[in-house]
Each structure stands twice: as structure tokens, then as C-alpha cells.
């Protein structure tokens, strides 16, 4: 799959902005309730990586928080 540069930039910007908002405004104990949003982020990031682009670091940070918070 390929993604043109404009689409990749928009996806990257959206991933960065939404991940930043989740990171800043939600505690770890709220992450279970955010599962649908996290799954949407994951799908967008998968599109990016499958097309050879990198997801922003804040996305990876939020995913690590989610995994830690929902692990049990």
C-alpha cells in the first residue's frame, strides 16, 4: 500500500495531536475506557507503517501507557 506525502503528513499530524491530547488529559486508569480511540489510532499508525512511514514518538508513548494500563 502506498500513501502520498500529503496524506502521510495529515495522518502523522492527526496521530501526533490526538496522542498528545490523550497523554495530557487522561490518567492511566482511564485508558480502558479509551480502547475504541486507541484502536483507531492503532489502525491509522498501521496504515502509516505499512506504507513505509513512521508514526510520531508520542503515539508510541501513548500505546506503551495503554498497554501498561490494560495489562492484567
C-alpha atoms as a PDB file:
ATOM      1  CA  UNK A   1       0.000   0.000   0.000  1.00  0.00           C
ATOM      2  CA  UNK A   2       1.208   3.486  -0.744  1.00  0.00           C
ATOM      3  CA  UNK A   3       0.239   6.779   0.817  1.00  0.00           C
ATOM      4  CA  UNK A   4       1.053  10.040  -0.891  1.00  0.00           C
ATOM      5  CA  UNK A   5       3.090  12.584   1.060  1.00  0.00           C
ATOM      6  CA  UNK A   6       0.128  14.879   1.755  1.00  0.00           C
ATOM      7  CA  UNK A   7      -1.945  12.048   3.207  1.00  0.00           C
ATOM      8  CA  UNK A   8       1.032  10.783   5.224  1.00  0.00           C
ATOM      9  CA  UNK A   9       1.591  14.255   6.679  1.00  0.00           C
ATOM     10  CA  UNK A  10      -2.072  14.639   7.631  1.00  0.00           C
ATOM     11  CA  UNK A  11      -2.148  11.173   9.253  1.00  0.00           C
ATOM     12  CA  UNK A  12       1.086  11.908  11.083  1.00  0.00           C
ATOM     13  CA  UNK A  13      -0.246  15.260  12.318  1.00  0.00           C
ATOM     14  CA  UNK A  14      -3.510  13.663  13.468  1.00  0.00           C
ATOM     15  CA  UNK A  15      -1.682  10.857  15.259  1.00  0.00           C
ATOM     16  CA  UNK A  16       0.595  13.362  16.981  1.00  0.00           C
ATOM     17  CA  UNK A  17      -2.203  15.733  18.017  1.00  0.00           C
ATOM     18  CA  UNK A  18      -4.629  13.097  19.260  1.00  0.00           C
ATOM     19  CA  UNK A  19      -1.905  11.142  21.034  1.00  0.00           C
ATOM     20  CA  UNK A  20      -0.704  14.325  22.720  1.00  0.00           C
ATOM     21  CA  UNK A  21      -4.232  15.132  23.894  1.00  0.00           C
ATOM     22  CA  UNK A  22      -4.728  11.634  25.269  1.00  0.00           C
ATOM     23  CA  UNK A  23      -1.374  11.774  27.015  1.00  0.00           C
ATOM     24  CA  UNK A  24      -2.017  15.171  28.592  1.00  0.00           C
ATOM     25  CA  UNK A  25      -5.648  14.796  29.617  1.00  0.00           C
ATOM     26  CA  UNK A  26      -6.086  11.176  30.694  1.00  0.00           C
ATOM     27  CA  UNK A  27      -4.783   9.193  33.628  1.00  0.00           C
ATOM     28  CA  UNK A  28      -3.721   5.587  33.196  1.00  0.00           C
ATOM     29  CA  UNK A  29      -6.850   4.321  34.945  1.00  0.00           C
ATOM     30  CA  UNK A  30      -8.964   5.927  32.204  1.00  0.00           C
ATOM     31  CA  UNK A  31      -7.247   4.142  29.353  1.00  0.00           C
ATOM     32  CA  UNK A  32      -9.523   1.089  29.381  1.00  0.00           C
ATOM     33  CA  UNK A  33     -12.457   3.371  28.522  1.00  0.00           C
ATOM     34  CA  UNK A  34     -10.391   4.834  25.663  1.00  0.00           C
ATOM     35  CA  UNK A  35      -9.961   1.456  23.962  1.00  0.00           C
ATOM     36  CA  UNK A  36     -12.045   2.364  20.844  1.00  0.00           C
ATOM     37  CA  UNK A  37      -9.995   5.534  20.361  1.00  0.00           C
ATOM     38  CA  UNK A  38      -6.731   3.676  20.916  1.00  0.00           C
ATOM     39  CA  UNK A  39      -7.751   1.043  18.363  1.00  0.00           C
ATOM     40  CA  UNK A  40      -8.488   3.785  15.816  1.00  0.00           C
ATOM     41  CA  UNK A  41      -5.056   5.283  16.463  1.00  0.00           C
ATOM     42  CA  UNK A  42      -3.503   1.850  16.026  1.00  0.00           C
ATOM     43  CA  UNK A  43      -5.229   1.360  12.660  1.00  0.00           C
ATOM     44  CA  UNK A  44      -4.013   4.760  11.434  1.00  0.00           C
ATOM     45  CA  UNK A  45      -0.468   4.046  12.587  1.00  0.00           C
ATOM     46  CA  UNK A  46      -0.568   0.644  10.882  1.00  0.00           C
ATOM     47  CA  UNK A  47      -1.522   2.346   7.615  1.00  0.00           C
ATOM     48  CA  UNK A  48       1.449   4.656   8.046  1.00  0.00           C
ATOM     49  CA  UNK A  49       3.970   1.940   8.822  1.00  0.00           C
ATOM     50  CA  UNK A  50       2.680  -0.404   6.123  1.00  0.00           C
ATOM     51  CA  UNK A  51       3.300   2.421   3.649  1.00  0.00           C
ATOM     52  CA  UNK A  52       6.841   2.951   4.948  1.00  0.00           C
ATOM     53  CA  UNK A  53       6.241   5.994   7.152  1.00  0.00           C
ATOM     54  CA  UNK A  54       6.934   6.387  10.858  1.00  0.00           C
ATOM     55  CA  UNK A  55       4.307   7.156  13.469  1.00  0.00           C
ATOM     56  CA  UNK A  56       5.260  10.002  15.822  1.00  0.00           C
ATOM     57  CA  UNK A  57       7.014   9.182  19.098  1.00  0.00           C
ATOM     58  CA  UNK A  58       4.112  10.465  21.214  1.00  0.00           C
ATOM     59  CA  UNK A  59       1.903   7.829  19.576  1.00  0.00           C
ATOM     60  CA  UNK A  60       4.317   5.107  20.742  1.00  0.00           C
ATOM     61  CA  UNK A  61       4.400   6.653  24.208  1.00  0.00           C
ATOM     62  CA  UNK A  62       0.586   6.553  24.457  1.00  0.00           C
ATOM     63  CA  UNK A  63       0.498   2.985  23.199  1.00  0.00           C
ATOM     64  CA  UNK A  64       3.012   1.964  25.888  1.00  0.00           C
ATOM     65  CA  UNK A  65       0.847   3.669  28.518  1.00  0.00           C
ATOM     66  CA  UNK A  66      -2.231   1.904  27.172  1.00  0.00           C
ATOM     67  CA  UNK A  67      -0.532  -1.494  27.207  1.00  0.00           C
ATOM     68  CA  UNK A  68       0.708  -0.999  30.772  1.00  0.00           C
ATOM     69  CA  UNK A  69      -2.660   0.304  31.970  1.00  0.00           C
ATOM     70  CA  UNK A  70      -4.694  -2.517  30.435  1.00  0.00           C
ATOM     71  CA  UNK A  71      -2.316  -5.387  31.149  1.00  0.00           C
ATOM     72  CA  UNK A  72      -3.672  -7.827  33.699  1.00  0.00           C
END
